[in-house]
Amino acid sequence: MSNKRSVTIARHRTSISLEDEFWMALAEFAAQDGKSIAALITEIDQGRGAEARERASLSSAIRLYVLKRARKMP
């Protein structure tokens, strides 16, 4: 089931819709890194560049980040 949450990125509020499993994974990764979910999402957003922002949604970028990071786990 998809769950929409509001987060602050670059000093503005935005809503992100992700499935619960992605929210849980994002929370785990943020905790492992010692940062908030909002801080991790900000890093994901900044890391994708202006061109990628025009092509894909932030939700998609987050899903790809979670998938890539999960694949690296033992």
PDB file of N, CA and C in Angstrom:
ATOM      1  N   MET A   1       0.839  -1.184   0.000  1.00  0.00           N
ATOM      2  CA  MET A   1       0.000   0.000   0.000  1.00  0.00           C
ATOM      3  C   MET A   1       0.884   1.247   0.000  1.00  0.00           C
ATOM      4  N   SER A   2       0.507   2.213  -0.789  1.00  0.00           N
ATOM      5  CA  SER A   2       1.248   3.454  -0.894  1.00  0.00           C
ATOM      6  C   SER A   2       0.890   4.387   0.254  1.00  0.00           C
ATOM      7  N   ASN A   3       1.907   5.107   0.739  1.00  0.00           N
ATOM      8  CA  ASN A   3       1.739   5.990   1.870  1.00  0.00           C
ATOM      9  C   ASN A   3       2.370   7.330   1.524  1.00  0.00           C
ATOM     10  N   LYS A   4       1.616   8.408   1.624  1.00  0.00           N
ATOM     11  CA  LYS A   4       2.120   9.737   1.293  1.00  0.00           C
ATOM     12  C   LYS A   4       2.549  10.442   2.576  1.00  0.00           C
ATOM     13  N   ARG A   5       3.757  11.012   2.538  1.00  0.00           N
ATOM     14  CA  ARG A   5       4.279  11.771   3.683  1.00  0.00           C
ATOM     15  C   ARG A   5       4.838  13.092   3.183  1.00  0.00           C
ATOM     16  N   SER A   6       4.800  14.071   4.059  1.00  0.00           N
ATOM     17  CA  SER A   6       5.383  15.373   3.746  1.00  0.00           C
ATOM     18  C   SER A   6       6.740  15.481   4.413  1.00  0.00           C
ATOM     19  N   VAL A   7       7.718  15.956   3.673  1.00  0.00           N
ATOM     20  CA  VAL A   7       9.059  16.183   4.205  1.00  0.00           C
ATOM     21  C   VAL A   7       9.543  17.549   3.733  1.00  0.00           C
ATOM     22  N   THR A   8      10.516  18.092   4.446  1.00  0.00           N
ATOM     23  CA  THR A   8      11.109  19.369   4.068  1.00  0.00           C
ATOM     24  C   THR A   8      12.436  19.103   3.381  1.00  0.00           C
ATOM     25  N   ILE A   9      12.546  19.584   2.159  1.00  0.00           N
ATOM     26  CA  ILE A   9      13.764  19.442   1.363  1.00  0.00           C
ATOM     27  C   ILE A   9      14.142  20.828   0.862  1.00  0.00           C
ATOM     28  N   ALA A  10      15.380  21.222   1.139  1.00  0.00           N
ATOM     29  CA  ALA A  10      15.864  22.541   0.709  1.00  0.00           C
ATOM     30  C   ALA A  10      14.907  23.644   1.154  1.00  0.00           C
ATOM     31  N   ARG A  11      14.463  23.542   2.369  1.00  0.00           N
ATOM     32  CA  ARG A  11      13.593  24.523   3.026  1.00  0.00           C
ATOM     33  C   ARG A  11      12.207  24.661   2.406  1.00  0.00           C
ATOM     34  N   HIS A  12      11.753  23.641   1.688  1.00  0.00           N
ATOM     35  CA  HIS A  12      10.355  23.666   1.238  1.00  0.00           C
ATOM     36  C   HIS A  12       9.728  22.290   1.466  1.00  0.00           C
ATOM     37  N   ARG A  13       8.441  22.298   1.738  1.00  0.00           N
ATOM     38  CA  ARG A  13       7.705  21.065   2.012  1.00  0.00           C
ATOM     39  C   ARG A  13       7.297  20.424   0.693  1.00  0.00           C
ATOM     40  N   THR A  14       7.407  19.123   0.666  1.00  0.00           N
ATOM     41  CA  THR A  14       6.958  18.371  -0.494  1.00  0.00           C
ATOM     42  C   THR A  14       6.352  17.059  -0.025  1.00  0.00           C
ATOM     43  N   SER A  15       5.434  16.532  -0.767  1.00  0.00           N
ATOM     44  CA  SER A  15       4.810  15.254  -0.441  1.00  0.00           C
ATOM     45  C   SER A  15       5.416  14.167  -1.315  1.00  0.00           C
ATOM     46  N   ILE A  16       5.702  13.049  -0.677  1.00  0.00           N
ATOM     47  CA  ILE A  16       6.290  11.913  -1.382  1.00  0.00           C
ATOM     48  C   ILE A  16       5.420  10.698  -1.115  1.00  0.00           C
ATOM     49  N   SER A  17       5.061  10.006  -2.174  1.00  0.00           N
ATOM     50  CA  SER A  17       4.233   8.812  -2.066  1.00  0.00           C
ATOM     51  C   SER A  17       5.096   7.584  -2.354  1.00  0.00           C
ATOM     52  N   LEU A  18       5.231   6.725  -1.341  1.00  0.00           N
ATOM     53  CA  LEU A  18       6.007   5.490  -1.465  1.00  0.00           C
ATOM     54  C   LEU A  18       5.255   4.359  -0.782  1.00  0.00           C
ATOM     55  N   GLU A  19       5.521   3.156  -1.209  1.00  0.00           N
ATOM     56  CA  GLU A  19       4.965   1.989  -0.537  1.00  0.00           C
ATOM     57  C   GLU A  19       5.606   1.871   0.845  1.00  0.00           C
ATOM     58  N   ASP A  20       4.865   1.289   1.777  1.00  0.00           N
ATOM     59  CA  ASP A  20       5.331   1.183   3.160  1.00  0.00           C
ATOM     60  C   ASP A  20       6.703   0.527   3.269  1.00  0.00           C
ATOM     61  N   GLU A  21       6.958  -0.476   2.431  1.00  0.00           N
ATOM     62  CA  GLU A  21       8.250  -1.168   2.481  1.00  0.00           C
ATOM     63  C   GLU A  21       9.408  -0.238   2.146  1.00  0.00           C
ATOM     64  N   PHE A  22       9.189   0.692   1.227  1.00  0.00           N
ATOM     65  CA  PHE A  22      10.240   1.650   0.894  1.00  0.00           C
ATOM     66  C   PHE A  22      10.445   2.646   2.027  1.00  0.00           C
ATOM     67  N   TRP A  23       9.361   3.079   2.678  1.00  0.00           N
ATOM     68  CA  TRP A  23       9.503   3.965   3.833  1.00  0.00           C
ATOM     69  C   TRP A  23      10.288   3.276   4.946  1.00  0.00           C
ATOM     70  N   MET A  24      10.007   1.983   5.177  1.00  0.00           N
ATOM     71  CA  MET A  24      10.707   1.239   6.226  1.00  0.00           C
ATOM     72  C   MET A  24      12.194   1.100   5.887  1.00  0.00           C
ATOM     73  N   ALA A  25      12.495   0.761   4.642  1.00  0.00           N
ATOM     74  CA  ALA A  25      13.893   0.624   4.234  1.00  0.00           C
ATOM     75  C   ALA A  25      14.617   1.965   4.333  1.00  0.00           C
ATOM     76  N   LEU A  26      13.955   3.024   3.916  1.00  0.00           N
ATOM     77  CA  LEU A  26      14.544   4.362   3.987  1.00  0.00           C
ATOM     78  C   LEU A  26      14.850   4.729   5.437  1.00  0.00           C
ATOM     79  N   ALA A  27      13.936   4.413   6.350  1.00  0.00           N
ATOM     80  CA  ALA A  27      14.146   4.689   7.768  1.00  0.00           C
ATOM     81  C   ALA A  27      15.333   3.889   8.309  1.00  0.00           C
ATOM     82  N   GLU A  28      15.452   2.632   7.906  1.00  0.00           N
ATOM     83  CA  GLU A  28      16.581   1.798   8.339  1.00  0.00           C
ATOM     84  C   GLU A  28      17.907   2.359   7.842  1.00  0.00           C
ATOM     85  N   PHE A  29      17.959   2.737   6.573  1.00  0.00           N
ATOM     86  CA  PHE A  29      19.192   3.279   6.009  1.00  0.00           C
ATOM     87  C   PHE A  29      19.558   4.605   6.682  1.00  0.00           C
ATOM     88  N   ALA A  30      18.571   5.450   6.924  1.00  0.00           N
ATOM     89  CA  ALA A  30      18.833   6.730   7.593  1.00  0.00           C
ATOM     90  C   ALA A  30      19.391   6.485   8.994  1.00  0.00           C
ATOM     91  N   ALA A  31      18.804   5.544   9.720  1.00  0.00           N
ATOM     92  CA  ALA A  31      19.281   5.225  11.074  1.00  0.00           C
ATOM     93  C   ALA A  31      20.714   4.684  11.025  1.00  0.00           C
ATOM     94  N   GLN A  32      21.008   3.826  10.061  1.00  0.00           N
ATOM     95  CA  GLN A  32      22.360   3.283   9.910  1.00  0.00           C
ATOM     96  C   GLN A  32      23.371   4.392   9.657  1.00  0.00           C
ATOM     97  N   ASP A  33      22.932   5.422   8.936  1.00  0.00           N
ATOM     98  CA  ASP A  33      23.813   6.540   8.599  1.00  0.00           C
ATOM     99  C   ASP A  33      23.819   7.634   9.667  1.00  0.00           C
ATOM    100  N   GLY A  34      22.981   7.486  10.690  1.00  0.00           N
ATOM    101  CA  GLY A  34      22.920   8.478  11.759  1.00  0.00           C
ATOM    102  C   GLY A  34      22.309   9.795  11.338  1.00  0.00           C
ATOM    103  N   LYS A  35      21.294   9.727  10.472  1.00  0.00           N
ATOM    104  CA  LYS A  35      20.651  10.961  10.002  1.00  0.00           C
ATOM    105  C   LYS A  35      19.146  10.756   9.921  1.00  0.00           C
ATOM    106  N   SER A  36      18.447  11.830   9.716  1.00  0.00           N
ATOM    107  CA  SER A  36      16.993  11.761   9.596  1.00  0.00           C
ATOM    108  C   SER A  36      16.600  11.281   8.204  1.00  0.00           C
ATOM    109  N   ILE A  37      15.361  10.845   8.088  1.00  0.00           N
ATOM    110  CA  ILE A  37      14.851  10.450   6.781  1.00  0.00           C
ATOM    111  C   ILE A  37      14.883  11.650   5.838  1.00  0.00           C
ATOM    112  N   ALA A  38      14.503  12.817   6.335  1.00  0.00           N
ATOM    113  CA  ALA A  38      14.508  14.027   5.499  1.00  0.00           C
ATOM    114  C   ALA A  38      15.906  14.342   4.996  1.00  0.00           C
ATOM    115  N   ALA A  39      16.919  14.161   5.843  1.00  0.00           N
ATOM    116  CA  ALA A  39      18.298  14.429   5.428  1.00  0.00           C
ATOM    117  C   ALA A  39      18.724  13.449   4.337  1.00  0.00           C
ATOM    118  N   LEU A  40      18.352  12.184   4.482  1.00  0.00           N
ATOM    119  CA  LEU A  40      18.698  11.192   3.462  1.00  0.00           C
ATOM    120  C   LEU A  40      17.978  11.495   2.147  1.00  0.00           C
ATOM    121  N   ILE A  41      16.710  11.861   2.229  1.00  0.00           N
ATOM    122  CA  ILE A  41      15.967  12.213   1.014  1.00  0.00           C
ATOM    123  C   ILE A  41      16.589  13.434   0.339  1.00  0.00           C
ATOM    124  N   THR A  42      17.033  14.401   1.129  1.00  0.00           N
ATOM    125  CA  THR A  42      17.700  15.577   0.564  1.00  0.00           C
ATOM    126  C   THR A  42      18.950  15.169  -0.200  1.00  0.00           C
ATOM    127  N   GLU A  43      19.732  14.249   0.372  1.00  0.00           N
ATOM    128  CA  GLU A  43      20.933  13.766  -0.309  1.00  0.00           C
ATOM    129  C   GLU A  43      20.583  13.050  -1.620  1.00  0.00           C
ATOM    130  N   ILE A  44      19.542  12.235  -1.583  1.00  0.00           N
ATOM    131  CA  ILE A  44      19.105  11.535  -2.794  1.00  0.00           C
ATOM    132  C   ILE A  44      18.694  12.548  -3.855  1.00  0.00           C
ATOM    133  N   ASP A  45      17.930  13.557  -3.443  1.00  0.00           N
ATOM    134  CA  ASP A  45      17.469  14.584  -4.375  1.00  0.00           C
ATOM    135  C   ASP A  45      18.642  15.354  -4.969  1.00  0.00           C
ATOM    136  N   GLN A  46      19.585  15.746  -4.141  1.00  0.00           N
ATOM    137  CA  GLN A  46      20.743  16.509  -4.628  1.00  0.00           C
ATOM    138  C   GLN A  46      21.639  15.661  -5.515  1.00  0.00           C
ATOM    139  N   GLY A  47      21.722  14.374  -5.243  1.00  0.00           N
ATOM    140  CA  GLY A  47      22.603  13.497  -5.989  1.00  0.00           C
ATOM    141  C   GLY A  47      22.106  13.136  -7.373  1.00  0.00           C
ATOM    142  N   ARG A  48      20.847  13.402  -7.645  1.00  0.00           N
ATOM    143  CA  ARG A  48      20.333  12.984  -8.947  1.00  0.00           C
ATOM    144  C   ARG A  48      20.486  14.042 -10.027  1.00  0.00           C
ATOM    145  N   GLY A  49      20.846  15.252  -9.701  1.00  0.00           N
ATOM    146  CA  GLY A  49      21.128  16.273 -10.695  1.00  0.00           C
ATOM    147  C   GLY A  49      19.887  16.887 -11.327  1.00  0.00           C
ATOM    148  N   ALA A  50      20.062  18.044 -11.911  1.00  0.00           N
ATOM    149  CA  ALA A  50      18.946  18.805 -12.490  1.00  0.00           C
ATOM    150  C   ALA A  50      18.293  18.078 -13.657  1.00  0.00           C
ATOM    151  N   GLU A  51      19.095  17.439 -14.501  1.00  0.00           N
ATOM    152  CA  GLU A  51      18.538  16.739 -15.662  1.00  0.00           C
ATOM    153  C   GLU A  51      17.648  15.582 -15.228  1.00  0.00           C
ATOM    154  N   ALA A  52      18.101  14.833 -14.229  1.00  0.00           N
ATOM    155  CA  ALA A  52      17.303  13.704 -13.735  1.00  0.00           C
ATOM    156  C   ALA A  52      16.019  14.191 -13.065  1.00  0.00           C
ATOM    157  N   ARG A  53      16.085  15.338 -12.393  1.00  0.00           N
ATOM    158  CA  ARG A  53      14.893  15.890 -11.741  1.00  0.00           C
ATOM    159  C   ARG A  53      13.799  16.172 -12.759  1.00  0.00           C
ATOM    160  N   GLU A  54      14.200  16.570 -13.958  1.00  0.00           N
ATOM    161  CA  GLU A  54      13.226  16.879 -15.002  1.00  0.00           C
ATOM    162  C   GLU A  54      12.604  15.608 -15.587  1.00  0.00           C
ATOM    163  N   ARG A  55      13.339  14.499 -15.550  1.00  0.00           N
ATOM    164  CA  ARG A  55      12.872  13.262 -16.174  1.00  0.00           C
ATOM    165  C   ARG A  55      12.089  12.353 -15.227  1.00  0.00           C
ATOM    166  N   ALA A  56      12.465  12.297 -13.969  1.00  0.00           N
ATOM    167  CA  ALA A  56      11.863  11.325 -13.060  1.00  0.00           C
ATOM    168  C   ALA A  56      11.446  11.993 -11.753  1.00  0.00           C
ATOM    169  N   SER A  57      10.474  11.387 -11.117  1.00  0.00           N
ATOM    170  CA  SER A  57       9.994  11.919  -9.849  1.00  0.00           C
ATOM    171  C   SER A  57      10.954  11.590  -8.719  1.00  0.00           C
ATOM    172  N   LEU A  58      10.849  12.321  -7.647  1.00  0.00           N
ATOM    173  CA  LEU A  58      11.653  12.056  -6.466  1.00  0.00           C
ATOM    174  C   LEU A  58      11.312  10.684  -5.899  1.00  0.00           C
ATOM    175  N   SER A  59      10.049  10.305  -5.950  1.00  0.00           N
ATOM    176  CA  SER A  59       9.651   8.971  -5.479  1.00  0.00           C
ATOM    177  C   SER A  59      10.401   7.879  -6.237  1.00  0.00           C
ATOM    178  N   SER A  60      10.522   8.030  -7.536  1.00  0.00           N
ATOM    179  CA  SER A  60      11.263   7.053  -8.347  1.00  0.00           C
ATOM    180  C   SER A  60      12.733   7.028  -7.959  1.00  0.00           C
ATOM    181  N   ALA A  61      13.307   8.190  -7.752  1.00  0.00           N
ATOM    182  CA  ALA A  61      14.716   8.267  -7.358  1.00  0.00           C
ATOM    183  C   ALA A  61      14.943   7.570  -6.015  1.00  0.00           C
ATOM    184  N   ILE A  62      14.007   7.729  -5.092  1.00  0.00           N
ATOM    185  CA  ILE A  62      14.125   7.082  -3.786  1.00  0.00           C
ATOM    186  C   ILE A  62      14.026   5.569  -3.932  1.00  0.00           C
ATOM    187  N   ARG A  63      13.081   5.103  -4.727  1.00  0.00           N
ATOM    188  CA  ARG A  63      12.947   3.651  -4.951  1.00  0.00           C
ATOM    189  C   ARG A  63      14.232   3.066  -5.531  1.00  0.00           C
ATOM    190  N   LEU A  64      14.819   3.750  -6.502  1.00  0.00           N
ATOM    191  CA  LEU A  64      16.063   3.279  -7.099  1.00  0.00           C
ATOM    192  C   LEU A  64      17.198   3.278  -6.084  1.00  0.00           C
ATOM    193  N   TYR A  65      17.278   4.303  -5.253  1.00  0.00           N
ATOM    194  CA  TYR A  65      18.298   4.371  -4.213  1.00  0.00           C
ATOM    195  C   TYR A  65      18.163   3.178  -3.259  1.00  0.00           C
ATOM    196  N   VAL A  66      16.942   2.922  -2.794  1.00  0.00           N
ATOM    197  CA  VAL A  66      16.704   1.810  -1.865  1.00  0.00           C
ATOM    198  C   VAL A  66      17.090   0.489  -2.529  1.00  0.00           C
ATOM    199  N   LEU A  67      16.691   0.295  -3.777  1.00  0.00           N
ATOM    200  CA  LEU A  67      17.020  -0.938  -4.487  1.00  0.00           C
ATOM    201  C   LEU A  67      18.526  -1.124  -4.611  1.00  0.00           C
ATOM    202  N   LYS A  68      19.227  -0.072  -5.035  1.00  0.00           N
ATOM    203  CA  LYS A  68      20.677  -0.167  -5.187  1.00  0.00           C
ATOM    204  C   LYS A  68      21.364  -0.445  -3.860  1.00  0.00           C
ATOM    205  N   ARG A  69      20.927   0.231  -2.823  1.00  0.00           N
ATOM    206  CA  ARG A  69      21.573   0.032  -1.517  1.00  0.00           C
ATOM    207  C   ARG A  69      21.250  -1.348  -0.957  1.00  0.00           C
ATOM    208  N   ALA A  70      20.052  -1.823  -1.150  1.00  0.00           N
ATOM    209  CA  ALA A  70      19.669  -3.149  -0.662  1.00  0.00           C
ATOM    210  C   ALA A  70      20.467  -4.229  -1.372  1.00  0.00           C
ATOM    211  N   ARG A  71      20.753  -4.046  -2.636  1.00  0.00           N
ATOM    212  CA  ARG A  71      21.541  -5.029  -3.394  1.00  0.00           C
ATOM    213  C   ARG A  71      22.964  -5.135  -2.895  1.00  0.00           C
ATOM    214  N   LYS A  72      23.481  -4.071  -2.291  1.00  0.00           N
ATOM    215  CA  LYS A  72      24.842  -4.070  -1.767  1.00  0.00           C
ATOM    216  C   LYS A  72      24.957  -4.754  -0.418  1.00  0.00           C
ATOM    217  N   MET A  73      23.825  -4.980   0.231  1.00  0.00           N
ATOM    218  CA  MET A  73      23.823  -5.581   1.567  1.00  0.00           C
ATOM    219  C   MET A  73      24.097  -7.079   1.481  1.00  0.00           C
ATOM    220  N   PRO A  74      24.825  -7.607   2.470  1.00  0.00           N
ATOM    221  CA  PRO A  74      25.098  -9.056   2.476  1.00  0.00           C
ATOM    222  C   PRO A  74      23.876  -9.872   2.795  1.00  0.00           C
TER     223      PRO A  74
END
